[in-house]
Amino acid sequence: MRHESLVNEDWTNVVARLGGADLLNATARETRAFLRPREITNAVDLLVPKKGPNARKNNELWRIHSAFDLPDERFGHFEVTDQQAGETLDRIPVVKGEIRLADRAYLQPDRMAKVIDADADVVIRAGWKSARWVDEAGEVVDLVAALRAAEPCGLLDRPIWIKRKGGSLLAVRLVATRKPQQAANEARRKARREAQRGGHTISKQTLDAADWVILITSLKPEDFTTADVLALYRLRWRIELGFKRLKSLIGLKGPPGTSESSARPHILAHLLTILLLEPLVDELEDSPRLAEAA
C-alpha cells in the first residue's frame, strides 16, 4: 500500500455513501449515542450480539472478531467465539506487507512482535502507562517528561523500546501529536470523570498525557514520515463507518434461541451475507439505473 493513498481525500463521498451526515447524526441520536457514557473501548464490542434474551444477565455473549481492509473498504475476515476469547492483535492471520491499525487495547508487546516478525507493520494507540517504556539499554524512559519537552513544537517522533514478558526488548517508534486545545480540554474532563468514578485522585502525568495522541508503530521513518503515520491512524474513522454499514446492511441482532446449535449458524449466516454483498455494493451504487432511480 503506497503511503500517498493514505490521505483521506474522499471523506465527503464516504459519508454520502453511508446516507449522509444528517442520517448518521439522526441515527446516533435515536440510539442515544450522544448521551450515554461510552463504555465501548474497541470496534469489535460494537458487534457483540446477545446469545439469548437473558444473555447479559447470564454473561452469555458471542464475540465477533473481524478484519477490515481499508484500501477496499471491505471486511475480509470474520471469526465467532464466545465471550471468553479476548481481543488479540495476532488472532487474524497476518498478510505480509500489511499495516495493522488498532486502539490501545491491542498494545500487546509479545503479539506485536509476532506480527512484525511475519513481515507486517503496526500502528497502535497508546496511553502513557500502557507499557514499560525503556531505552535501548533497558533504562526506564519517562514518557510524560518526553511529551512535556516536545510541547513547543507539538510533535514527538523518536525510537523507544518496550519490555516484554519474554524475549528481548521490542524496538518500536513513538509518534505523538499535541491535540487541539478544545480536544485536549475534553480529554482532561473525561480523565477527571473517570478518576471520580474510580474513586481516586487523578495524577498530573495523566492530565498532561491527555493533551496528546500517542502512537506506537513499527514503520520506519525513512518510509513513513510523522505526518504519514498520523494520517494512517486517522483512517480508523473509516473502520467505524464500515461497522455501521455492516450492521445496517445485514441487521445483525441477537440470534434466536439460547443454544449454540441455533445461535452460531444464525451469526455465521449473517456474516457470510456481508462477505457476499460487499463486493457488489460499489457496482450497484455506480449503476446508471440506480442513479436514475435516485
Protein backbone atom coordinates (compact mmCIF):
# COMPACT_ATOMS: atom_id res chain seq x y z
CA MET A 1 0.00 0.00 0.00
CA ARG A 2 1.53 3.28 -1.10
CA HIS A 3 1.51 5.96 1.54
CA GLU A 4 0.14 8.51 -0.98
CA SER A 5 -3.18 6.65 -0.76
CA LEU A 6 -3.37 7.15 2.97
CA VAL A 7 -4.51 10.75 2.82
CA ASN A 8 -8.28 10.82 3.36
CA GLU A 9 -9.29 12.85 0.30
CA ASP A 10 -12.66 11.12 -0.24
CA TRP A 11 -14.23 11.68 3.17
CA THR A 12 -17.31 13.52 1.85
CA ASN A 13 -18.03 10.69 -0.58
CA VAL A 14 -17.64 8.04 2.13
CA VAL A 15 -20.14 9.82 4.38
CA ALA A 16 -22.53 10.27 1.44
CA ARG A 17 -22.40 6.55 0.66
CA LEU A 18 -23.47 5.86 4.24
CA GLY A 19 -26.51 8.09 3.93
CA GLY A 20 -25.04 11.49 4.68
CA ALA A 21 -24.07 13.33 7.85
CA ASP A 22 -27.67 14.16 8.76
CA LEU A 23 -28.69 10.50 8.69
CA LEU A 24 -25.64 9.45 10.72
CA ASN A 25 -26.37 12.13 13.32
CA ALA A 26 -30.06 11.23 13.44
CA THR A 27 -29.24 7.55 13.95
CA ALA A 28 -26.82 8.41 16.74
CA ARG A 29 -29.48 10.50 18.47
CA GLU A 30 -32.10 7.77 18.11
CA THR A 31 -29.79 5.31 19.82
CA ARG A 32 -28.82 7.96 22.41
CA ALA A 33 -25.16 7.55 21.43
CA PHE A 34 -24.51 11.20 22.28
CA LEU A 35 -26.00 10.89 25.76
CA ARG A 36 -24.87 7.65 27.35
CA PRO A 37 -21.33 7.07 28.69
CA ARG A 38 -19.14 5.41 26.06
CA GLU A 39 -18.08 2.17 27.70
CA ILE A 40 -17.11 0.53 24.40
CA THR A 41 -13.33 0.54 24.08
CA ASN A 42 -12.86 -1.15 20.71
CA ALA A 43 -14.77 -1.62 17.49
CA VAL A 44 -15.44 -5.34 17.90
CA ASP A 45 -17.56 -4.71 21.01
CA LEU A 46 -19.99 -2.80 18.82
CA LEU A 47 -20.85 -6.14 17.20
CA VAL A 48 -21.24 -8.36 20.25
CA PRO A 49 -24.70 -9.93 19.72
CA LYS A 50 -26.71 -11.49 22.52
CA LYS A 51 -26.89 -15.23 22.79
CA GLY A 52 -30.44 -15.05 24.12
CA PRO A 53 -32.88 -12.70 25.91
CA ASN A 54 -31.04 -13.04 29.24
CA ALA A 55 -27.57 -13.16 27.75
CA ARG A 56 -26.11 -10.18 29.59
CA LYS A 57 -27.61 -11.30 32.87
CA ASN A 58 -26.11 -14.76 32.47
CA ASN A 59 -22.89 -13.45 30.89
CA GLU A 60 -23.55 -15.48 27.73
CA LEU A 61 -22.37 -13.41 24.77
CA TRP A 62 -20.95 -14.07 21.33
CA ARG A 63 -17.94 -12.11 20.19
CA ILE A 64 -17.18 -11.35 16.53
CA HIS A 65 -13.54 -10.79 15.56
CA SER A 66 -13.01 -9.20 12.18
CA ALA A 67 -10.52 -7.62 9.80
CA PHE A 68 -11.43 -4.57 7.74
CA ASP A 69 -9.42 -3.97 4.56
CA LEU A 70 -9.03 -0.19 4.35
CA PRO A 71 -7.88 0.10 0.69
CA ASP A 72 -11.00 -1.75 -0.48
CA GLU A 73 -13.17 -0.66 2.48
CA ARG A 74 -14.48 -4.19 2.94
CA PHE A 75 -14.44 -6.87 5.61
CA GLY A 76 -12.16 -9.72 4.71
CA HIS A 77 -12.19 -11.98 7.76
CA PHE A 78 -14.65 -12.98 10.50
CA GLU A 79 -14.30 -15.30 13.45
CA VAL A 80 -17.02 -16.07 16.02
CA THR A 81 -16.12 -17.04 19.58
CA ASP A 82 -17.77 -16.96 22.98
CA GLN A 83 -17.16 -14.08 25.38
CA GLN A 84 -14.16 -15.82 26.95
CA ALA A 85 -11.99 -15.25 23.88
CA GLY A 86 -10.32 -11.86 24.22
CA GLU A 87 -9.09 -9.49 21.54
CA THR A 88 -5.52 -10.17 20.40
CA LEU A 89 -3.52 -8.42 17.73
CA ASP A 90 -2.39 -11.66 16.10
CA ARG A 91 -5.71 -13.53 16.16
CA ILE A 92 -6.33 -12.95 12.47
CA PRO A 93 -3.73 -14.42 10.04
CA VAL A 94 -1.04 -11.92 9.11
CA VAL A 95 -0.64 -10.84 5.50
CA LYS A 96 2.93 -9.97 4.55
CA GLY A 97 3.37 -6.25 3.99
CA GLU A 98 0.11 -5.22 5.65
CA ILE A 99 -0.23 -2.44 8.23
CA ARG A 100 -2.47 -3.18 11.21
CA LEU A 101 -4.24 -0.23 12.85
CA ALA A 102 -5.52 -0.77 16.38
CA ASP A 103 -6.57 1.05 19.52
CA ARG A 104 -4.82 0.95 22.88
CA ALA A 105 -6.39 -2.37 23.93
CA TYR A 106 -4.09 -4.04 21.39
CA LEU A 107 -0.81 -2.71 22.75
CA GLN A 108 0.39 -6.26 23.44
CA PRO A 109 4.20 -6.41 23.06
CA ASP A 110 4.58 -10.17 22.56
CA ARG A 111 1.77 -10.29 20.00
CA MET A 112 3.06 -7.15 18.30
CA ALA A 113 6.39 -8.91 17.92
CA LYS A 114 4.68 -11.87 16.20
CA VAL A 115 3.01 -9.57 13.68
CA ILE A 116 6.26 -7.70 12.99
CA ASP A 117 8.22 -10.96 12.67
CA ALA A 118 5.69 -12.02 9.99
CA ASP A 119 6.81 -9.02 7.86
CA ALA A 120 3.83 -6.82 8.68
CA ASP A 121 3.69 -3.47 10.50
CA VAL A 122 1.54 -1.96 13.23
CA VAL A 123 0.20 1.45 14.21
CA ILE A 124 -1.34 1.30 17.69
CA ARG A 125 -2.75 3.93 20.03
CA ALA A 126 -1.05 4.01 23.41
CA GLY A 127 -1.54 5.50 26.85
CA TRP A 128 1.33 6.83 28.89
CA LYS A 129 1.02 3.86 31.28
CA SER A 130 0.21 1.25 28.60
CA ALA A 131 3.67 -0.35 28.59
CA ARG A 132 7.05 -0.40 30.32
CA TRP A 133 8.93 2.17 28.26
CA VAL A 134 12.71 1.88 28.18
CA ASP A 135 15.68 2.95 26.07
CA GLU A 136 17.94 0.62 24.11
CA ALA A 137 19.97 -0.12 27.25
CA GLY A 138 16.86 -1.07 29.19
CA GLU A 139 16.76 2.08 31.30
CA VAL A 140 13.31 3.45 32.13
CA VAL A 141 12.04 6.27 29.89
CA ASP A 142 9.82 8.95 31.45
CA LEU A 143 7.28 9.24 28.65
CA VAL A 144 5.40 12.19 30.14
CA ALA A 145 8.66 14.12 30.55
CA ALA A 146 9.41 13.50 26.88
CA LEU A 147 5.97 14.82 25.94
CA ARG A 148 6.47 17.92 28.06
CA ALA A 149 9.80 18.59 26.36
CA ALA A 150 8.08 18.38 22.97
CA GLU A 151 5.35 20.91 23.85
CA PRO A 152 6.91 23.86 21.94
CA CYS A 153 6.67 22.07 18.57
CA GLY A 154 3.66 19.88 19.42
CA LEU A 155 5.20 16.76 17.83
CA LEU A 156 7.32 13.89 19.07
CA ASP A 157 8.88 11.21 16.89
CA ARG A 158 11.58 9.03 18.45
CA PRO A 159 12.70 5.44 18.85
CA ILE A 160 11.65 3.65 22.02
CA TRP A 161 11.72 0.12 23.39
CA ILE A 162 9.09 -1.89 25.25
CA LYS A 163 9.79 -4.54 27.86
CA ARG A 164 8.20 -7.89 27.11
CA LYS A 165 7.16 -10.75 29.39
CA GLY A 166 9.52 -12.96 27.48
CA GLY A 167 12.24 -12.38 24.93
CA SER A 168 14.26 -9.31 24.08
CA LEU A 169 13.13 -5.69 24.17
CA LEU A 170 10.73 -4.73 21.41
CA ALA A 171 12.14 -1.85 19.35
CA VAL A 172 9.41 0.45 18.03
CA ARG A 173 8.85 4.07 17.16
CA LEU A 174 6.87 6.54 19.23
CA VAL A 175 4.89 9.20 17.34
CA ALA A 176 2.85 11.75 19.28
CA THR A 177 0.99 14.90 18.39
CA ARG A 178 -0.49 17.51 20.68
CA LYS A 179 -4.28 17.75 20.45
CA PRO A 180 -6.08 20.97 19.55
CA GLN A 181 -6.99 22.91 22.69
CA GLN A 182 -10.68 22.01 22.57
CA ALA A 183 -9.92 18.30 22.19
CA ALA A 184 -7.31 18.48 24.96
CA ASN A 185 -9.78 20.14 27.33
CA GLU A 186 -12.37 17.45 26.60
CA ALA A 187 -9.80 14.69 27.15
CA ARG A 188 -8.88 16.21 30.52
CA ARG A 189 -12.54 16.40 31.54
CA LYS A 190 -13.02 12.76 30.57
CA ALA A 191 -9.94 11.73 32.57
CA ARG A 192 -11.25 13.60 35.63
CA ARG A 193 -14.67 11.94 35.32
CA GLU A 194 -13.08 8.50 35.11
CA ALA A 195 -10.97 9.25 38.18
CA GLN A 196 -14.07 10.35 40.10
CA ARG A 197 -15.94 7.19 39.12
CA GLY A 198 -12.94 5.13 40.19
CA GLY A 199 -12.68 6.98 43.49
CA HIS A 200 -9.07 8.08 43.10
CA THR A 201 -7.18 11.33 42.61
CA ILE A 202 -6.00 11.98 39.07
CA SER A 203 -2.27 12.45 38.60
CA LYS A 204 -0.53 15.38 36.95
CA GLN A 205 1.04 12.93 34.49
CA THR A 206 -2.36 11.66 33.36
CA LEU A 207 -3.62 15.20 32.79
CA ASP A 208 -0.51 16.15 30.81
CA ALA A 209 -0.67 12.97 28.72
CA ALA A 210 -4.36 13.63 27.96
CA ASP A 211 -3.22 16.55 25.79
CA TRP A 212 -1.56 14.15 23.35
CA VAL A 213 -2.40 11.44 20.84
CA ILE A 214 0.30 8.81 21.40
CA LEU A 215 1.01 6.16 18.76
CA ILE A 216 3.39 3.24 18.61
CA THR A 217 4.47 1.96 15.21
CA SER A 218 6.97 -0.34 13.56
CA LEU A 219 7.02 1.74 10.36
CA LYS A 220 10.43 3.16 9.53
CA PRO A 221 10.78 6.97 9.39
CA GLU A 222 12.54 6.76 6.02
CA ASP A 223 9.41 5.12 4.58
CA PHE A 224 6.68 6.88 6.56
CA THR A 225 7.08 10.40 7.88
CA THR A 226 5.50 11.64 11.09
CA ALA A 227 2.62 13.08 9.06
CA ASP A 228 2.15 9.76 7.23
CA VAL A 229 1.81 7.83 10.49
CA LEU A 230 -0.71 10.30 11.88
CA ALA A 231 -2.69 10.19 8.62
CA LEU A 232 -2.72 6.40 8.80
CA TYR A 233 -4.22 6.38 12.27
CA ARG A 234 -6.89 8.89 11.30
CA LEU A 235 -8.17 6.34 8.79
CA ARG A 236 -9.64 4.40 11.72
CA TRP A 237 -12.76 6.52 11.25
CA ARG A 238 -13.39 4.58 8.05
CA ILE A 239 -13.36 1.39 10.08
CA GLU A 240 -16.03 2.77 12.41
CA LEU A 241 -18.15 3.67 9.39
CA GLY A 242 -17.57 0.19 7.98
CA PHE A 243 -19.01 -1.37 11.14
CA LYS A 244 -22.03 0.92 10.95
CA ARG A 245 -22.62 -0.14 7.35
CA LEU A 246 -22.23 -3.79 8.28
CA LYS A 247 -24.96 -3.58 10.91
CA SER A 248 -27.27 -1.60 8.64
CA LEU A 249 -26.84 -3.98 5.67
CA ILE A 250 -27.45 -7.27 7.44
CA GLY A 251 -29.40 -6.18 10.52
CA LEU A 252 -27.32 -8.31 12.88
CA LYS A 253 -29.11 -8.53 16.22
CA GLY A 254 -29.50 -11.09 18.96
CA PRO A 255 -29.79 -14.60 17.49
CA PRO A 256 -32.93 -16.64 18.18
CA GLY A 257 -32.84 -19.14 21.00
CA THR A 258 -30.18 -19.68 23.61
CA SER A 259 -28.39 -22.79 22.36
CA GLU A 260 -25.12 -22.76 20.45
CA SER A 261 -26.62 -25.02 17.75
CA SER A 262 -29.01 -22.23 16.70
CA ALA A 263 -27.09 -19.09 17.65
CA ARG A 264 -23.78 -19.77 15.92
CA PRO A 265 -25.28 -20.67 12.48
CA HIS A 266 -27.51 -17.57 12.72
CA ILE A 267 -24.50 -15.29 13.26
CA LEU A 268 -22.32 -17.02 10.65
CA ALA A 269 -25.10 -16.80 8.04
CA HIS A 270 -25.34 -13.04 8.56
CA LEU A 271 -21.57 -12.65 8.31
CA LEU A 272 -21.47 -14.74 5.13
CA THR A 273 -24.12 -12.42 3.71
CA ILE A 274 -21.94 -9.34 4.21
CA LEU A 275 -18.92 -11.05 2.64
CA LEU A 276 -21.02 -11.87 -0.43
CA LEU A 277 -22.73 -8.48 -0.66
CA GLU A 278 -19.87 -6.07 -0.08
CA PRO A 279 -18.09 -6.70 -3.43
CA LEU A 280 -21.39 -5.85 -5.18
CA VAL A 281 -22.10 -2.61 -3.31
CA ASP A 282 -19.88 -0.42 -5.48
CA GLU A 283 -21.28 -1.91 -8.69
CA LEU A 284 -24.86 -1.32 -7.56
CA GLU A 285 -24.13 2.23 -6.45
CA ASP A 286 -22.46 3.00 -9.80
CA SER A 287 -25.35 1.54 -11.79
CA PRO A 288 -26.91 4.11 -14.20
CA ARG A 289 -30.39 2.77 -13.41
CA LEU A 290 -29.77 3.21 -9.70
CA ALA A 291 -28.61 6.77 -10.32
CA GLU A 292 -31.76 7.48 -12.35
CA ALA A 293 -33.96 6.00 -9.66
CA ALA A 294 -32.29 8.20 -7.06
